[in-house]
Amino acid sequence: AQACLANGTKRLMHVSALGADVQAPSGYLRSKAAGEQAIHAAYQAAGNDGFTIFRPSVVFGPEDQFMNMFARLARFFPVLPIAGAKAKMQPVFVMDVAEAILNSMSQPWACGQTFELAGPRVYTLGELVELAALWSGHPRPVLPLPLSIGRMQAFFFECLPGEPLMSRDNLASLTVDNISHAPMNPLLGIVPTALESIAPVYLKPAV
């Protein structure tokens, strides 16, 4: 924000996250809220409102690290043990996010505003895992795990090399629902894309 202001950048388009809150249970969501606060503080001090903040729910699309991850797991495990299986989320298509940003980039009504970006339907995490497995050609039942066991599972993942499949901070995020407070703002010009119309195509197993 400070660099944009110092260099006369006309607009700052910032992608935060749905559920960003300084009181959130996870460090991830608290850090997103801190980022938003930093932008507000910098622009307010400069008397400038040339920024727009977007808060997308979990984003899906080809090569995503969400539905694809569960599809990969379904290839190797007969049952998918999932902590936080009842957590609610509202996945949004990556192209809808991109289009919302483009549509508001030069619009005065978007200055100084925050927009929540979410898809047309709310799912539980367990439902999304089952759908990813089904659409990838490996239908699997989901075994809901208590959060206490999930934390042990996540700690094990954190000890493995590379990016963990699930961290304890991810689990903390799942203790609050990741859903929008209202339909997507009509000014953005987006008709939210259904997960069912996109994910089965890119998750479909290669022939």
C-alpha atoms as a PDB file:
ATOM      1  CA  ALA A   1       0.000   0.000   0.000  1.00  0.00           C
ATOM      2  CA  GLN A   2       2.781   2.414   0.869  1.00  0.00           C
ATOM      3  CA  ALA A   3       4.649   1.601  -2.352  1.00  0.00           C
ATOM      4  CA  CYS A   4       1.499   2.146  -4.434  1.00  0.00           C
ATOM      5  CA  LEU A   5       0.866   5.487  -2.791  1.00  0.00           C
ATOM      6  CA  ALA A   6       4.490   6.596  -3.123  1.00  0.00           C
ATOM      7  CA  ASN A   7       4.524   5.741  -6.828  1.00  0.00           C
ATOM      8  CA  GLY A   8       1.144   7.210  -7.708  1.00  0.00           C
ATOM      9  CA  THR A   9      -0.492   3.891  -8.547  1.00  0.00           C
ATOM     10  CA  LYS A  10      -4.081   4.662  -9.474  1.00  0.00           C
ATOM     11  CA  ARG A  11      -5.641   1.558  -7.930  1.00  0.00           C
ATOM     12  CA  LEU A  12      -4.627  -1.176  -5.510  1.00  0.00           C
ATOM     13  CA  MET A  13      -6.649  -4.397  -5.877  1.00  0.00           C
ATOM     14  CA  HIS A  14      -6.018  -6.569  -2.837  1.00  0.00           C
ATOM     15  CA  VAL A  15      -7.095 -10.208  -2.493  1.00  0.00           C
ATOM     16  CA  SER A  16      -7.716 -11.060   1.149  1.00  0.00           C
ATOM     17  CA  ALA A  17      -9.864 -13.990   2.374  1.00  0.00           C
ATOM     18  CA  LEU A  18     -13.414 -14.607   3.475  1.00  0.00           C
ATOM     19  CA  GLY A  19     -13.472 -14.734   7.261  1.00  0.00           C
ATOM     20  CA  ALA A  20     -10.547 -12.335   7.740  1.00  0.00           C
ATOM     21  CA  ASP A  21     -10.833 -11.100  11.323  1.00  0.00           C
ATOM     22  CA  VAL A  22      -8.379  -9.879  13.944  1.00  0.00           C
ATOM     23  CA  GLN A  23     -10.186 -12.154  16.427  1.00  0.00           C
ATOM     24  CA  ALA A  24     -10.218 -15.225  14.136  1.00  0.00           C
ATOM     25  CA  PRO A  25      -9.057 -18.547  15.587  1.00  0.00           C
ATOM     26  CA  SER A  26      -6.334 -19.066  12.963  1.00  0.00           C
ATOM     27  CA  GLY A  27      -3.172 -17.119  12.288  1.00  0.00           C
ATOM     28  CA  TYR A  28      -3.953 -17.221   8.568  1.00  0.00           C
ATOM     29  CA  LEU A  29      -7.223 -15.319   8.952  1.00  0.00           C
ATOM     30  CA  ARG A  30      -5.741 -12.910  11.504  1.00  0.00           C
ATOM     31  CA  SER A  31      -2.889 -12.121   9.108  1.00  0.00           C
ATOM     32  CA  LYS A  32      -5.391 -11.418   6.324  1.00  0.00           C
ATOM     33  CA  ALA A  33      -7.203  -8.987   8.614  1.00  0.00           C
ATOM     34  CA  ALA A  34      -3.900  -7.332   9.522  1.00  0.00           C
ATOM     35  CA  GLY A  35      -3.164  -6.867   5.812  1.00  0.00           C
ATOM     36  CA  GLU A  36      -6.519  -5.175   5.285  1.00  0.00           C
ATOM     37  CA  GLN A  37      -5.917  -2.909   8.266  1.00  0.00           C
ATOM     38  CA  ALA A  38      -2.514  -1.895   6.886  1.00  0.00           C
ATOM     39  CA  ILE A  39      -4.101  -0.882   3.576  1.00  0.00           C
ATOM     40  CA  HIS A  40      -6.869   1.096   5.273  1.00  0.00           C
ATOM     41  CA  ALA A  41      -4.367   2.863   7.541  1.00  0.00           C
ATOM     42  CA  ALA A  42      -1.989   3.790   4.715  1.00  0.00           C
ATOM     43  CA  TYR A  43      -4.701   5.097   2.400  1.00  0.00           C
ATOM     44  CA  GLN A  44      -6.572   6.906   5.151  1.00  0.00           C
ATOM     45  CA  ALA A  45      -3.390   8.691   6.187  1.00  0.00           C
ATOM     46  CA  ALA A  46      -2.888   9.764   2.562  1.00  0.00           C
ATOM     47  CA  GLY A  47      -6.499  10.889   2.150  1.00  0.00           C
ATOM     48  CA  ASN A  48      -6.852   8.442  -0.724  1.00  0.00           C
ATOM     49  CA  ASP A  49      -9.484   5.752  -1.339  1.00  0.00           C
ATOM     50  CA  GLY A  50      -7.959   4.194  -4.466  1.00  0.00           C
ATOM     51  CA  PHE A  51      -8.020   0.633  -3.164  1.00  0.00           C
ATOM     52  CA  THR A  52     -10.448  -2.269  -3.310  1.00  0.00           C
ATOM     53  CA  ILE A  53     -10.358  -5.385  -1.139  1.00  0.00           C
ATOM     54  CA  PHE A  54     -11.746  -8.773  -2.176  1.00  0.00           C
ATOM     55  CA  ARG A  55     -12.542 -11.569   0.250  1.00  0.00           C
ATOM     56  CA  PRO A  56     -12.946 -14.835  -1.688  1.00  0.00           C
ATOM     57  CA  SER A  57     -14.035 -18.089  -0.150  1.00  0.00           C
ATOM     58  CA  VAL A  58     -11.946 -21.156  -1.026  1.00  0.00           C
ATOM     59  CA  VAL A  59     -11.149 -20.858  -4.745  1.00  0.00           C
ATOM     60  CA  PHE A  60     -11.627 -23.745  -7.166  1.00  0.00           C
ATOM     61  CA  GLY A  61     -10.478 -24.251 -10.754  1.00  0.00           C
ATOM     62  CA  PRO A  62      -8.045 -26.296 -12.839  1.00  0.00           C
ATOM     63  CA  GLU A  63      -4.814 -26.993 -10.932  1.00  0.00           C
ATOM     64  CA  ASP A  64      -6.322 -25.743  -7.655  1.00  0.00           C
ATOM     65  CA  GLN A  65      -4.834 -27.018  -4.421  1.00  0.00           C
ATOM     66  CA  PHE A  66      -8.203 -27.857  -2.906  1.00  0.00           C
ATOM     67  CA  MET A  67     -10.449 -30.161  -4.938  1.00  0.00           C
ATOM     68  CA  ASN A  68      -7.413 -31.615  -6.710  1.00  0.00           C
ATOM     69  CA  MET A  69      -5.768 -32.466  -3.396  1.00  0.00           C
ATOM     70  CA  PHE A  70      -8.769 -34.486  -2.218  1.00  0.00           C
ATOM     71  CA  ALA A  71      -9.011 -36.167  -5.619  1.00  0.00           C
ATOM     72  CA  ARG A  72      -5.374 -37.266  -5.330  1.00  0.00           C
ATOM     73  CA  LEU A  73      -5.921 -38.626  -1.839  1.00  0.00           C
ATOM     74  CA  ALA A  74      -8.931 -40.625  -3.056  1.00  0.00           C
ATOM     75  CA  ARG A  75      -6.672 -42.494  -5.467  1.00  0.00           C
ATOM     76  CA  PHE A  76      -4.696 -44.021  -2.620  1.00  0.00           C
ATOM     77  CA  PHE A  77      -7.032 -44.344   0.371  1.00  0.00           C
ATOM     78  CA  PRO A  78     -10.213 -46.460   0.598  1.00  0.00           C
ATOM     79  CA  VAL A  79     -11.617 -44.109   3.264  1.00  0.00           C
ATOM     80  CA  LEU A  80     -10.883 -40.411   3.673  1.00  0.00           C
ATOM     81  CA  PRO A  81     -10.515 -39.393   7.343  1.00  0.00           C
ATOM     82  CA  ILE A  82     -11.313 -35.684   7.598  1.00  0.00           C
ATOM     83  CA  ALA A  83     -11.291 -33.411  10.643  1.00  0.00           C
ATOM     84  CA  GLY A  84     -13.704 -30.501  10.518  1.00  0.00           C
ATOM     85  CA  ALA A  85     -15.913 -32.389   8.053  1.00  0.00           C
ATOM     86  CA  LYS A  86     -18.971 -30.358   9.093  1.00  0.00           C
ATOM     87  CA  ALA A  87     -17.309 -26.988   8.488  1.00  0.00           C
ATOM     88  CA  LYS A  88     -19.258 -24.937   5.942  1.00  0.00           C
ATOM     89  CA  MET A  89     -17.714 -23.193   2.948  1.00  0.00           C
ATOM     90  CA  GLN A  90     -18.876 -21.557  -0.259  1.00  0.00           C
ATOM     91  CA  PRO A  91     -16.326 -22.275  -3.027  1.00  0.00           C
ATOM     92  CA  VAL A  92     -15.896 -19.631  -5.727  1.00  0.00           C
ATOM     93  CA  PHE A  93     -14.651 -20.185  -9.281  1.00  0.00           C
ATOM     94  CA  VAL A  94     -11.242 -18.660  -9.990  1.00  0.00           C
ATOM     95  CA  MET A  95     -12.463 -16.977 -13.186  1.00  0.00           C
ATOM     96  CA  ASP A  96     -15.300 -15.306 -11.251  1.00  0.00           C
ATOM     97  CA  VAL A  97     -12.719 -13.875  -8.864  1.00  0.00           C
ATOM     98  CA  ALA A  98     -10.588 -12.619 -11.751  1.00  0.00           C
ATOM     99  CA  GLU A  99     -13.604 -11.115 -13.524  1.00  0.00           C
ATOM    100  CA  ALA A 100     -14.806  -9.361 -10.359  1.00  0.00           C
ATOM    101  CA  ILE A 101     -11.396  -7.718 -10.014  1.00  0.00           C
ATOM    102  CA  LEU A 102     -11.325  -6.666 -13.678  1.00  0.00           C
ATOM    103  CA  ASN A 103     -14.890  -5.348 -13.604  1.00  0.00           C
ATOM    104  CA  SER A 104     -14.189  -3.084 -10.635  1.00  0.00           C
ATOM    105  CA  MET A 105     -10.661  -1.989 -11.489  1.00  0.00           C
ATOM    106  CA  SER A 106     -11.617   1.334 -13.065  1.00  0.00           C
ATOM    107  CA  GLN A 107     -14.955   1.905 -11.329  1.00  0.00           C
ATOM    108  CA  PRO A 108     -15.336   4.782  -8.829  1.00  0.00           C
ATOM    109  CA  TRP A 109     -17.993   2.848  -6.894  1.00  0.00           C
ATOM    110  CA  ALA A 110     -15.394   0.210  -5.966  1.00  0.00           C
ATOM    111  CA  CYS A 111     -12.965   2.666  -4.374  1.00  0.00           C
ATOM    112  CA  GLY A 112     -12.456   2.051  -0.666  1.00  0.00           C
ATOM    113  CA  GLN A 113     -14.835  -0.940  -0.737  1.00  0.00           C
ATOM    114  CA  THR A 114     -14.563  -4.546   0.402  1.00  0.00           C
ATOM    115  CA  PHE A 115     -16.350  -7.267  -1.564  1.00  0.00           C
ATOM    116  CA  GLU A 116     -17.031 -10.839  -0.473  1.00  0.00           C
ATOM    117  CA  LEU A 117     -16.695 -13.364  -3.293  1.00  0.00           C
ATOM    118  CA  ALA A 118     -18.453 -16.701  -2.920  1.00  0.00           C
ATOM    119  CA  GLY A 119     -20.147 -19.302  -5.068  1.00  0.00           C
ATOM    120  CA  PRO A 120     -23.873 -19.984  -5.339  1.00  0.00           C
ATOM    121  CA  ARG A 121     -23.990 -22.878  -2.879  1.00  0.00           C
ATOM    122  CA  VAL A 122     -22.831 -23.734   0.633  1.00  0.00           C
ATOM    123  CA  TYR A 123     -21.251 -27.166   1.243  1.00  0.00           C
ATOM    124  CA  THR A 124     -19.714 -28.926   4.183  1.00  0.00           C
ATOM    125  CA  LEU A 125     -16.067 -29.864   3.869  1.00  0.00           C
ATOM    126  CA  GLY A 126     -17.104 -33.519   3.997  1.00  0.00           C
ATOM    127  CA  GLU A 127     -19.440 -33.029   1.028  1.00  0.00           C
ATOM    128  CA  LEU A 128     -16.681 -31.371  -0.996  1.00  0.00           C
ATOM    129  CA  VAL A 129     -14.254 -34.194  -0.260  1.00  0.00           C
ATOM    130  CA  GLU A 130     -16.829 -36.791  -1.348  1.00  0.00           C
ATOM    131  CA  LEU A 131     -17.547 -34.850  -4.548  1.00  0.00           C
ATOM    132  CA  ALA A 132     -13.850 -34.539  -5.398  1.00  0.00           C
ATOM    133  CA  ALA A 133     -13.426 -38.271  -4.946  1.00  0.00           C
ATOM    134  CA  LEU A 134     -16.532 -39.071  -6.994  1.00  0.00           C
ATOM    135  CA  TRP A 135     -15.725 -36.743  -9.890  1.00  0.00           C
ATOM    136  CA  SER A 136     -12.152 -38.038 -10.072  1.00  0.00           C
ATOM    137  CA  GLY A 137     -13.421 -41.575 -10.571  1.00  0.00           C
ATOM    138  CA  HIS A 138     -12.579 -42.841  -7.079  1.00  0.00           C
ATOM    139  CA  PRO A 139     -15.704 -42.540  -4.916  1.00  0.00           C
ATOM    140  CA  ARG A 140     -14.775 -42.830  -1.267  1.00  0.00           C
ATOM    141  CA  PRO A 141     -16.635 -42.490   2.028  1.00  0.00           C
ATOM    142  CA  VAL A 142     -15.574 -39.710   4.387  1.00  0.00           C
ATOM    143  CA  LEU A 143     -14.749 -40.591   7.979  1.00  0.00           C
ATOM    144  CA  PRO A 144     -15.287 -37.490  10.150  1.00  0.00           C
ATOM    145  CA  LEU A 145     -12.562 -37.094  12.773  1.00  0.00           C
ATOM    146  CA  PRO A 146     -12.795 -35.205  16.071  1.00  0.00           C
ATOM    147  CA  LEU A 147     -10.699 -32.046  16.043  1.00  0.00           C
ATOM    148  CA  SER A 148      -8.458 -33.486  18.764  1.00  0.00           C
ATOM    149  CA  ILE A 149      -7.444 -36.377  16.505  1.00  0.00           C
ATOM    150  CA  GLY A 150      -7.307 -34.010  13.547  1.00  0.00           C
ATOM    151  CA  ARG A 151      -4.723 -31.881  15.350  1.00  0.00           C
ATOM    152  CA  MET A 152      -2.559 -34.969  15.863  1.00  0.00           C
ATOM    153  CA  GLN A 153      -2.962 -35.825  12.178  1.00  0.00           C
ATOM    154  CA  ALA A 154      -2.077 -32.252  11.174  1.00  0.00           C
ATOM    155  CA  PHE A 155       1.004 -32.262  13.438  1.00  0.00           C
ATOM    156  CA  PHE A 156       2.179 -35.403  11.647  1.00  0.00           C
ATOM    157  CA  PHE A 157       1.661 -33.735   8.259  1.00  0.00           C
ATOM    158  CA  GLU A 158       3.615 -30.693   9.440  1.00  0.00           C
ATOM    159  CA  CYS A 159       6.587 -32.926  10.266  1.00  0.00           C
ATOM    160  CA  LEU A 160       6.767 -34.268   6.716  1.00  0.00           C
ATOM    161  CA  PRO A 161       8.929 -32.513   4.110  1.00  0.00           C
ATOM    162  CA  GLY A 162       7.257 -29.995   1.809  1.00  0.00           C
ATOM    163  CA  GLU A 163       3.956 -28.149   2.155  1.00  0.00           C
ATOM    164  CA  PRO A 164       1.724 -30.042   4.629  1.00  0.00           C
ATOM    165  CA  LEU A 165      -1.575 -31.467   3.385  1.00  0.00           C
ATOM    166  CA  MET A 166      -3.193 -30.032   6.490  1.00  0.00           C
ATOM    167  CA  SER A 167      -1.766 -27.879   9.271  1.00  0.00           C
ATOM    168  CA  ARG A 168      -3.061 -27.163  12.752  1.00  0.00           C
ATOM    169  CA  ASP A 169      -3.718 -23.608  11.629  1.00  0.00           C
ATOM    170  CA  ASN A 170      -5.852 -24.958   8.757  1.00  0.00           C
ATOM    171  CA  LEU A 171      -7.897 -26.849  11.327  1.00  0.00           C
ATOM    172  CA  ALA A 172      -8.307 -23.723  13.410  1.00  0.00           C
ATOM    173  CA  SER A 173      -9.734 -22.003  10.316  1.00  0.00           C
ATOM    174  CA  LEU A 174     -12.321 -24.773  10.031  1.00  0.00           C
ATOM    175  CA  THR A 175     -13.811 -23.949  13.422  1.00  0.00           C
ATOM    176  CA  VAL A 176     -15.617 -20.986  11.818  1.00  0.00           C
ATOM    177  CA  ASP A 177     -17.836 -21.269   8.745  1.00  0.00           C
ATOM    178  CA  ASN A 178     -16.316 -19.837   5.566  1.00  0.00           C
ATOM    179  CA  ILE A 179     -19.496 -18.468   3.987  1.00  0.00           C
ATOM    180  CA  SER A 180     -20.611 -15.097   2.651  1.00  0.00           C
ATOM    181  CA  HIS A 181     -22.898 -12.820   4.619  1.00  0.00           C
ATOM    182  CA  ALA A 182     -24.835 -11.844   1.483  1.00  0.00           C
ATOM    183  CA  PRO A 183     -25.065 -12.650  -2.247  1.00  0.00           C
ATOM    184  CA  MET A 184     -22.225 -11.336  -4.398  1.00  0.00           C
ATOM    185  CA  ASN A 185     -22.628  -7.597  -4.962  1.00  0.00           C
ATOM    186  CA  PRO A 186     -24.512  -7.121  -8.269  1.00  0.00           C
ATOM    187  CA  LEU A 187     -22.285  -4.160  -9.157  1.00  0.00           C
ATOM    188  CA  LEU A 188     -19.496  -6.664  -9.799  1.00  0.00           C
ATOM    189  CA  GLY A 189     -21.473  -8.068 -12.731  1.00  0.00           C
ATOM    190  CA  ILE A 190     -20.862 -11.701 -11.796  1.00  0.00           C
ATOM    191  CA  VAL A 191     -23.282 -14.626 -11.909  1.00  0.00           C
ATOM    192  CA  PRO A 192     -21.486 -17.081  -9.586  1.00  0.00           C
ATOM    193  CA  THR A 193     -20.447 -20.291 -11.335  1.00  0.00           C
ATOM    194  CA  ALA A 194     -21.610 -23.568  -9.834  1.00  0.00           C
ATOM    195  CA  LEU A 195     -18.923 -25.989  -8.683  1.00  0.00           C
ATOM    196  CA  GLU A 196     -20.821 -28.825 -10.381  1.00  0.00           C
ATOM    197  CA  SER A 197     -20.443 -27.194 -13.789  1.00  0.00           C
ATOM    198  CA  ILE A 198     -16.649 -26.890 -13.656  1.00  0.00           C
ATOM    199  CA  ALA A 199     -14.961 -29.265 -11.197  1.00  0.00           C
ATOM    200  CA  PRO A 200     -16.124 -32.563 -12.786  1.00  0.00           C
ATOM    201  CA  VAL A 201     -14.433 -31.496 -16.036  1.00  0.00           C
ATOM    202  CA  TYR A 202     -10.949 -30.914 -14.632  1.00  0.00           C
ATOM    203  CA  LEU A 203     -11.140 -33.698 -12.057  1.00  0.00           C
ATOM    204  CA  LYS A 204     -12.217 -36.297 -14.625  1.00  0.00           C
ATOM    205  CA  PRO A 205      -9.592 -39.062 -14.825  1.00  0.00           C
ATOM    206  CA  ALA A 206      -7.506 -39.183 -17.993  1.00  0.00           C
ATOM    207  CA  VAL A 207      -8.560 -41.873 -20.439  1.00  0.00           C
END
